[in-house]
């Protein structure tokens, strides 16, 4: 059984801009919106949440 990955990007990112897409699951996956076929960055959920927390407080 395969599960489909659901990608999303920030609502702050206008169309055609340089941004990333994120897929959240057991591992957080990050990819370049304009180069989707390139490699993905996979990070532990705890590290992704720590990054978001830091960004929100600064």
C-alpha atoms as a PDB file:
ATOM      1  CA  UNK A   1       0.000   0.000   0.000  1.00  0.00           C
ATOM      2  CA  UNK A   2       1.389   3.397  -0.949  1.00  0.00           C
ATOM      3  CA  UNK A   3       0.297   6.676   0.530  1.00  0.00           C
ATOM      4  CA  UNK A   4       0.190   9.809  -1.546  1.00  0.00           C
ATOM      5  CA  UNK A   5       2.323  12.720  -0.411  1.00  0.00           C
ATOM      6  CA  UNK A   6       0.437  15.995  -0.060  1.00  0.00           C
ATOM      7  CA  UNK A   7       2.621  19.031  -0.719  1.00  0.00           C
ATOM      8  CA  UNK A   8       1.765  22.587   0.269  1.00  0.00           C
ATOM      9  CA  UNK A   9       3.444  25.959   0.291  1.00  0.00           C
ATOM     10  CA  UNK A  10       2.939  29.026   2.389  1.00  0.00           C
ATOM     11  CA  UNK A  11       0.036  31.299   1.613  1.00  0.00           C
ATOM     12  CA  UNK A  12       2.613  34.095   1.846  1.00  0.00           C
ATOM     13  CA  UNK A  13       4.349  32.784  -1.296  1.00  0.00           C
ATOM     14  CA  UNK A  14       3.034  34.471  -4.446  1.00  0.00           C
ATOM     15  CA  UNK A  15       2.704  32.420  -7.650  1.00  0.00           C
ATOM     16  CA  UNK A  16       5.920  32.143  -9.645  1.00  0.00           C
ATOM     17  CA  UNK A  17       8.125  33.152  -6.723  1.00  0.00           C
ATOM     18  CA  UNK A  18      11.140  31.347  -5.326  1.00  0.00           C
ATOM     19  CA  UNK A  19       9.769  29.230  -2.524  1.00  0.00           C
ATOM     20  CA  UNK A  20       9.636  25.727  -1.126  1.00  0.00           C
ATOM     21  CA  UNK A  21       6.895  23.168  -0.660  1.00  0.00           C
ATOM     22  CA  UNK A  22       6.507  21.034   2.430  1.00  0.00           C
ATOM     23  CA  UNK A  23       4.941  17.611   2.968  1.00  0.00           C
ATOM     24  CA  UNK A  24       4.361  16.751   6.601  1.00  0.00           C
ATOM     25  CA  UNK A  25       4.217  13.172   7.810  1.00  0.00           C
ATOM     26  CA  UNK A  26       6.467  10.838   9.785  1.00  0.00           C
ATOM     27  CA  UNK A  27       9.322  12.809   8.203  1.00  0.00           C
ATOM     28  CA  UNK A  28       8.987  16.380   6.974  1.00  0.00           C
ATOM     29  CA  UNK A  29       9.914  16.655   3.295  1.00  0.00           C
ATOM     30  CA  UNK A  30      10.994  19.936   1.722  1.00  0.00           C
ATOM     31  CA  UNK A  31      11.496  20.621  -1.991  1.00  0.00           C
ATOM     32  CA  UNK A  32      12.076  23.536  -4.337  1.00  0.00           C
ATOM     33  CA  UNK A  33       8.809  24.601  -5.964  1.00  0.00           C
ATOM     34  CA  UNK A  34      10.463  25.440  -9.283  1.00  0.00           C
ATOM     35  CA  UNK A  35      12.589  22.256  -9.384  1.00  0.00           C
ATOM     36  CA  UNK A  36      10.235  19.590  -8.065  1.00  0.00           C
ATOM     37  CA  UNK A  37      12.078  16.734  -9.775  1.00  0.00           C
ATOM     38  CA  UNK A  38      15.282  17.526  -7.896  1.00  0.00           C
ATOM     39  CA  UNK A  39      16.186  15.940  -4.582  1.00  0.00           C
ATOM     40  CA  UNK A  40      14.125  16.534  -1.461  1.00  0.00           C
ATOM     41  CA  UNK A  41      15.360  17.479   1.959  1.00  0.00           C
ATOM     42  CA  UNK A  42      13.981  15.132   4.619  1.00  0.00           C
ATOM     43  CA  UNK A  43      14.131  16.251   8.253  1.00  0.00           C
ATOM     44  CA  UNK A  44      12.749  14.829  11.490  1.00  0.00           C
ATOM     45  CA  UNK A  45       9.411  16.337  12.494  1.00  0.00           C
ATOM     46  CA  UNK A  46      10.914  17.541  15.789  1.00  0.00           C
ATOM     47  CA  UNK A  47      13.559  19.563  13.915  1.00  0.00           C
ATOM     48  CA  UNK A  48      10.977  21.069  11.542  1.00  0.00           C
ATOM     49  CA  UNK A  49       8.796  22.088  14.487  1.00  0.00           C
ATOM     50  CA  UNK A  50      11.812  23.625  16.244  1.00  0.00           C
ATOM     51  CA  UNK A  51      12.596  25.676  13.123  1.00  0.00           C
ATOM     52  CA  UNK A  52       9.004  26.917  12.835  1.00  0.00           C
ATOM     53  CA  UNK A  53       8.904  27.772  16.522  1.00  0.00           C
ATOM     54  CA  UNK A  54      12.116  29.785  16.220  1.00  0.00           C
ATOM     55  CA  UNK A  55      10.842  31.644  13.164  1.00  0.00           C
ATOM     56  CA  UNK A  56       7.574  32.522  14.885  1.00  0.00           C
ATOM     57  CA  UNK A  57       9.312  33.969  17.948  1.00  0.00           C
ATOM     58  CA  UNK A  58      11.792  36.123  16.005  1.00  0.00           C
END
